[in-house]
Amino acid sequence: MSSCRGPGEGETAAFEARYRTPPERLRALAWRGAEGLAPSGFAVEQLTAVRAACSEALGRPVDWDSVPSARDDGPEAGGGGRSGFLVGAGCLSVLLGVVGIWLYGLIALVG
């Protein structure tokens, strides 16, 4: 039962299920400073493992004082794709609509 498990195994599994990638885990922990400042040996081990996994996933060293942003996570980091285009097109449409209404009102006022 639960006595057969190591300390924090259930919590660790739940945390890893919620935050699937190492960078997400690093951001979720929001630890500051060195791992050695953690209150227990288990916490030191877990913090070290998360930081090492994040460094490996990103291909560069990561420390707790420079947590990577969500953009740094993976392949989608490069561009907005279709959603960025749609957002831009929607903003342009709204802007053109507002300018059109303003011009129509100005012409009606003058003429």
N, C-alpha and C. Protein backbone atom coordinates (compact mmCIF):
# COMPACT_ATOMS: atom_id res chain seq x y z
N MET A 1 0.82 -1.17 0.00
CA MET A 1 0.00 0.00 0.00
C MET A 1 0.88 1.25 0.00
N SER A 2 0.41 2.31 0.67
CA SER A 2 1.16 3.55 0.63
C SER A 2 2.48 3.44 1.38
N SER A 3 2.61 2.48 2.32
CA SER A 3 3.86 2.34 3.04
C SER A 3 4.97 1.74 2.17
N CYS A 4 4.59 1.13 1.03
CA CYS A 4 5.58 0.55 0.12
C CYS A 4 6.19 1.61 -0.79
N ARG A 5 5.56 2.72 -0.89
CA ARG A 5 6.04 3.77 -1.78
C ARG A 5 7.09 4.62 -1.08
N GLY A 6 7.92 5.26 -1.93
CA GLY A 6 8.91 6.19 -1.39
C GLY A 6 8.23 7.49 -1.01
N PRO A 7 8.96 8.38 -0.36
CA PRO A 7 8.36 9.64 0.08
C PRO A 7 7.94 10.49 -1.12
N GLY A 8 6.68 10.88 -1.14
CA GLY A 8 6.20 11.79 -2.15
C GLY A 8 5.94 11.20 -3.53
N GLU A 9 5.92 9.88 -3.67
CA GLU A 9 5.72 9.29 -5.00
C GLU A 9 4.37 9.65 -5.60
N GLY A 10 3.32 9.60 -4.80
CA GLY A 10 1.99 9.94 -5.31
C GLY A 10 1.90 11.39 -5.73
N GLU A 11 2.48 12.27 -4.92
CA GLU A 11 2.48 13.70 -5.26
C GLU A 11 3.30 13.96 -6.52
N THR A 12 4.43 13.26 -6.61
CA THR A 12 5.29 13.43 -7.79
C THR A 12 4.57 12.98 -9.05
N ALA A 13 3.89 11.85 -8.99
CA ALA A 13 3.16 11.34 -10.15
C ALA A 13 2.04 12.30 -10.56
N ALA A 14 1.32 12.83 -9.60
CA ALA A 14 0.25 13.78 -9.90
C ALA A 14 0.81 15.06 -10.51
N PHE A 15 1.92 15.53 -9.98
CA PHE A 15 2.56 16.74 -10.50
C PHE A 15 3.03 16.54 -11.93
N GLU A 16 3.66 15.39 -12.19
CA GLU A 16 4.15 15.09 -13.55
C GLU A 16 3.00 14.88 -14.53
N ALA A 17 1.86 14.39 -14.05
CA ALA A 17 0.70 14.24 -14.93
C ALA A 17 0.13 15.61 -15.30
N ARG A 18 0.16 16.54 -14.36
CA ARG A 18 -0.38 17.88 -14.61
C ARG A 18 0.55 18.72 -15.47
N TYR A 19 1.84 18.66 -15.19
CA TYR A 19 2.85 19.41 -15.93
C TYR A 19 3.70 18.42 -16.71
N ARG A 20 3.39 18.24 -17.96
CA ARG A 20 3.96 17.14 -18.75
C ARG A 20 5.40 17.35 -19.20
N THR A 21 5.82 18.58 -19.46
CA THR A 21 7.17 18.81 -19.97
C THR A 21 8.06 19.39 -18.86
N PRO A 22 9.37 19.15 -18.94
CA PRO A 22 10.28 19.69 -17.93
C PRO A 22 10.21 21.23 -17.79
N PRO A 23 10.12 22.00 -18.88
CA PRO A 23 10.00 23.45 -18.70
C PRO A 23 8.72 23.86 -17.96
N GLU A 24 7.62 23.15 -18.22
CA GLU A 24 6.37 23.44 -17.49
C GLU A 24 6.56 23.15 -16.00
N ARG A 25 7.24 22.07 -15.68
CA ARG A 25 7.48 21.71 -14.29
C ARG A 25 8.36 22.75 -13.60
N LEU A 26 9.38 23.21 -14.31
CA LEU A 26 10.28 24.20 -13.75
C LEU A 26 9.53 25.49 -13.44
N ARG A 27 8.68 25.94 -14.36
CA ARG A 27 7.88 27.15 -14.12
C ARG A 27 6.88 26.95 -12.99
N ALA A 28 6.27 25.78 -12.93
CA ALA A 28 5.25 25.52 -11.90
C ALA A 28 5.87 25.51 -10.50
N LEU A 29 7.07 25.01 -10.37
CA LEU A 29 7.72 24.97 -9.06
C LEU A 29 8.10 26.37 -8.58
N ALA A 30 8.50 27.23 -9.50
CA ALA A 30 8.84 28.62 -9.19
C ALA A 30 9.85 28.73 -8.04
N TRP A 31 10.80 27.83 -8.00
CA TRP A 31 11.83 27.85 -6.96
C TRP A 31 12.84 28.94 -7.29
N ARG A 32 13.38 29.58 -6.31
CA ARG A 32 14.43 30.59 -6.48
C ARG A 32 15.62 30.22 -5.62
N GLY A 33 16.80 30.36 -6.18
CA GLY A 33 18.01 30.04 -5.43
C GLY A 33 18.53 28.66 -5.77
N ALA A 34 19.46 28.19 -4.99
CA ALA A 34 20.07 26.88 -5.22
C ALA A 34 19.21 25.77 -4.65
N GLU A 35 19.35 24.59 -5.24
CA GLU A 35 18.59 23.43 -4.75
C GLU A 35 18.95 23.10 -3.31
N GLY A 36 20.20 23.37 -2.92
CA GLY A 36 20.67 23.06 -1.58
C GLY A 36 19.91 23.79 -0.47
N LEU A 37 19.16 24.82 -0.82
CA LEU A 37 18.38 25.56 0.17
C LEU A 37 17.05 24.89 0.49
N ALA A 38 16.73 23.81 -0.22
CA ALA A 38 15.47 23.10 0.02
C ALA A 38 15.47 22.48 1.42
N PRO A 39 14.28 22.34 2.01
CA PRO A 39 14.21 21.89 3.40
C PRO A 39 14.51 20.41 3.63
N SER A 40 14.52 19.57 2.58
CA SER A 40 14.77 18.15 2.80
C SER A 40 15.63 17.59 1.66
N GLY A 41 16.22 16.45 1.92
CA GLY A 41 17.01 15.78 0.90
C GLY A 41 16.18 15.39 -0.31
N PHE A 42 14.95 14.94 -0.06
CA PHE A 42 14.05 14.56 -1.15
C PHE A 42 13.77 15.77 -2.05
N ALA A 43 13.52 16.92 -1.44
CA ALA A 43 13.24 18.13 -2.22
C ALA A 43 14.46 18.54 -3.04
N VAL A 44 15.65 18.42 -2.46
CA VAL A 44 16.89 18.74 -3.19
C VAL A 44 17.01 17.85 -4.41
N GLU A 45 16.77 16.54 -4.23
CA GLU A 45 16.86 15.59 -5.35
C GLU A 45 15.85 15.93 -6.44
N GLN A 46 14.62 16.22 -6.05
CA GLN A 46 13.57 16.50 -7.04
C GLN A 46 13.86 17.81 -7.79
N LEU A 47 14.28 18.84 -7.07
CA LEU A 47 14.59 20.11 -7.73
C LEU A 47 15.75 19.95 -8.71
N THR A 48 16.76 19.20 -8.30
CA THR A 48 17.92 18.96 -9.17
C THR A 48 17.49 18.18 -10.42
N ALA A 49 16.64 17.18 -10.23
CA ALA A 49 16.18 16.37 -11.37
C ALA A 49 15.35 17.21 -12.35
N VAL A 50 14.49 18.06 -11.83
CA VAL A 50 13.65 18.90 -12.71
C VAL A 50 14.52 19.88 -13.49
N ARG A 51 15.48 20.51 -12.82
CA ARG A 51 16.34 21.47 -13.50
C ARG A 51 17.19 20.78 -14.56
N ALA A 52 17.74 19.60 -14.25
CA ALA A 52 18.56 18.86 -15.21
C ALA A 52 17.72 18.42 -16.41
N ALA A 53 16.50 17.96 -16.18
CA ALA A 53 15.63 17.54 -17.28
C ALA A 53 15.27 18.72 -18.17
N CYS A 54 15.03 19.88 -17.58
CA CYS A 54 14.72 21.08 -18.36
C CYS A 54 15.92 21.51 -19.19
N SER A 55 17.10 21.46 -18.61
CA SER A 55 18.32 21.81 -19.35
C SER A 55 18.51 20.88 -20.53
N GLU A 56 18.26 19.60 -20.31
CA GLU A 56 18.39 18.62 -21.38
C GLU A 56 17.34 18.84 -22.47
N ALA A 57 16.12 19.13 -22.07
CA ALA A 57 15.03 19.33 -23.04
C ALA A 57 15.27 20.56 -23.90
N LEU A 58 15.82 21.61 -23.30
CA LEU A 58 16.05 22.86 -24.05
C LEU A 58 17.40 22.89 -24.74
N GLY A 59 18.29 21.96 -24.38
CA GLY A 59 19.59 21.90 -25.01
C GLY A 59 20.55 22.98 -24.55
N ARG A 60 20.30 23.54 -23.40
CA ARG A 60 21.17 24.57 -22.83
C ARG A 60 21.02 24.56 -21.32
N PRO A 61 22.02 25.06 -20.62
CA PRO A 61 21.91 25.08 -19.15
C PRO A 61 20.81 26.03 -18.69
N VAL A 62 20.08 25.60 -17.69
CA VAL A 62 19.00 26.40 -17.12
C VAL A 62 19.22 26.45 -15.61
N ASP A 63 19.00 27.62 -15.03
CA ASP A 63 19.06 27.70 -13.57
C ASP A 63 17.75 28.28 -13.06
N TRP A 64 17.58 28.24 -11.75
CA TRP A 64 16.30 28.64 -11.15
C TRP A 64 16.06 30.14 -11.23
N ASP A 65 17.11 30.91 -11.43
CA ASP A 65 16.94 32.35 -11.50
C ASP A 65 16.63 32.85 -12.91
N SER A 66 16.70 31.97 -13.89
CA SER A 66 16.35 32.34 -15.27
C SER A 66 15.42 31.28 -15.85
N VAL A 67 14.23 31.21 -15.32
CA VAL A 67 13.25 30.21 -15.76
C VAL A 67 12.81 30.53 -17.18
N PRO A 68 12.84 29.54 -18.09
CA PRO A 68 12.45 29.80 -19.47
C PRO A 68 10.97 30.12 -19.59
N SER A 69 10.64 30.95 -20.56
CA SER A 69 9.24 31.28 -20.79
C SER A 69 8.57 30.16 -21.58
N ALA A 70 7.26 30.22 -21.70
CA ALA A 70 6.51 29.19 -22.43
C ALA A 70 6.91 29.16 -23.90
N ARG A 71 7.36 30.27 -24.44
CA ARG A 71 7.77 30.30 -25.85
C ARG A 71 8.99 29.45 -26.11
N ASP A 72 9.84 29.26 -25.10
CA ASP A 72 11.08 28.52 -25.27
C ASP A 72 10.87 27.02 -25.29
N ASP A 73 9.64 26.56 -25.07
CA ASP A 73 9.40 25.14 -24.83
C ASP A 73 9.66 24.21 -26.00
N GLY A 74 9.14 24.50 -27.17
CA GLY A 74 9.26 23.49 -28.19
C GLY A 74 9.07 23.99 -29.59
N PRO A 75 8.67 23.09 -30.49
CA PRO A 75 8.60 23.42 -31.90
C PRO A 75 7.62 24.55 -32.21
N GLU A 76 6.57 24.68 -31.41
CA GLU A 76 5.61 25.75 -31.67
C GLU A 76 6.17 27.12 -31.29
N ALA A 77 7.35 27.14 -30.73
CA ALA A 77 7.95 28.40 -30.29
C ALA A 77 8.32 29.30 -31.46
N GLY A 78 8.47 28.74 -32.65
CA GLY A 78 8.96 29.51 -33.79
C GLY A 78 7.97 30.46 -34.42
N GLY A 79 6.71 30.14 -34.44
CA GLY A 79 5.79 31.02 -35.14
C GLY A 79 4.37 30.86 -34.69
N GLY A 80 3.53 31.82 -35.10
CA GLY A 80 2.14 31.82 -34.70
C GLY A 80 1.28 30.95 -35.57
N GLY A 81 1.71 30.72 -36.82
CA GLY A 81 0.94 29.88 -37.71
C GLY A 81 -0.40 30.47 -38.07
N ARG A 82 -1.37 29.61 -38.23
CA ARG A 82 -2.70 30.02 -38.66
C ARG A 82 -3.41 30.90 -37.63
N SER A 83 -3.25 30.59 -36.36
CA SER A 83 -3.93 31.38 -35.34
C SER A 83 -3.42 32.82 -35.32
N GLY A 84 -2.12 33.01 -35.49
CA GLY A 84 -1.57 34.37 -35.55
C GLY A 84 -2.11 35.13 -36.74
N PHE A 85 -2.24 34.46 -37.86
CA PHE A 85 -2.79 35.09 -39.06
C PHE A 85 -4.24 35.49 -38.83
N LEU A 86 -5.02 34.59 -38.24
CA LEU A 86 -6.44 34.89 -38.01
C LEU A 86 -6.62 36.05 -37.02
N VAL A 87 -5.80 36.12 -36.01
CA VAL A 87 -5.88 37.22 -35.06
C VAL A 87 -5.54 38.53 -35.76
N GLY A 88 -4.49 38.52 -36.56
CA GLY A 88 -4.10 39.71 -37.31
C GLY A 88 -5.18 40.15 -38.28
N ALA A 89 -5.78 39.19 -39.00
CA ALA A 89 -6.85 39.52 -39.94
C ALA A 89 -8.07 40.08 -39.22
N GLY A 90 -8.39 39.54 -38.06
CA GLY A 90 -9.52 40.05 -37.27
C GLY A 90 -9.28 41.47 -36.79
N CYS A 91 -8.07 41.74 -36.33
CA CYS A 91 -7.74 43.10 -35.89
C CYS A 91 -7.80 44.09 -37.05
N LEU A 92 -7.29 43.67 -38.20
CA LEU A 92 -7.35 44.53 -39.38
C LEU A 92 -8.79 44.81 -39.78
N SER A 93 -9.65 43.80 -39.73
CA SER A 93 -11.06 43.98 -40.07
C SER A 93 -11.74 44.97 -39.14
N VAL A 94 -11.49 44.84 -37.86
CA VAL A 94 -12.08 45.76 -36.88
C VAL A 94 -11.57 47.18 -37.12
N LEU A 95 -10.28 47.32 -37.37
CA LEU A 95 -9.71 48.64 -37.62
C LEU A 95 -10.33 49.27 -38.87
N LEU A 96 -10.44 48.50 -39.95
CA LEU A 96 -11.05 49.03 -41.18
C LEU A 96 -12.52 49.39 -40.96
N GLY A 97 -13.23 48.62 -40.17
CA GLY A 97 -14.63 48.93 -39.87
C GLY A 97 -14.76 50.24 -39.10
N VAL A 98 -13.91 50.44 -38.10
CA VAL A 98 -13.95 51.67 -37.31
C VAL A 98 -13.59 52.87 -38.18
N VAL A 99 -12.57 52.75 -39.00
CA VAL A 99 -12.19 53.85 -39.89
C VAL A 99 -13.31 54.14 -40.89
N GLY A 100 -13.94 53.11 -41.42
CA GLY A 100 -15.06 53.30 -42.35
C GLY A 100 -16.23 54.03 -41.72
N ILE A 101 -16.59 53.64 -40.51
CA ILE A 101 -17.69 54.32 -39.80
C ILE A 101 -17.32 55.77 -39.50
N TRP A 102 -16.09 56.00 -39.10
CA TRP A 102 -15.63 57.36 -38.82
C TRP A 102 -15.69 58.21 -40.09
N LEU A 103 -15.21 57.67 -41.20
CA LEU A 103 -15.26 58.42 -42.47
C LEU A 103 -16.71 58.68 -42.90
N TYR A 104 -17.58 57.70 -42.77
CA TYR A 104 -18.98 57.88 -43.12
C TYR A 104 -19.61 58.99 -42.28
N GLY A 105 -19.32 59.01 -40.99
CA GLY A 105 -19.83 60.07 -40.11
C GLY A 105 -19.26 61.43 -40.48
N LEU A 106 -17.99 61.49 -40.85
CA LEU A 106 -17.36 62.76 -41.24
C LEU A 106 -17.98 63.28 -42.52
N ILE A 107 -18.19 62.40 -43.50
CA ILE A 107 -18.81 62.81 -44.76
C ILE A 107 -20.25 63.28 -44.52
N ALA A 108 -20.98 62.59 -43.68
CA ALA A 108 -22.36 62.99 -43.39
C ALA A 108 -22.40 64.34 -42.67
N LEU A 109 -21.42 64.61 -41.84
CA LEU A 109 -21.37 65.87 -41.11
C LEU A 109 -21.04 67.03 -42.04
N VAL A 110 -20.08 66.82 -42.93
CA VAL A 110 -19.64 67.87 -43.83
C VAL A 110 -20.64 68.06 -44.98
N GLY A 111 -21.10 66.98 -45.55
CA GLY A 111 -21.92 67.07 -46.76
C GLY A 111 -23.34 67.07 -46.46
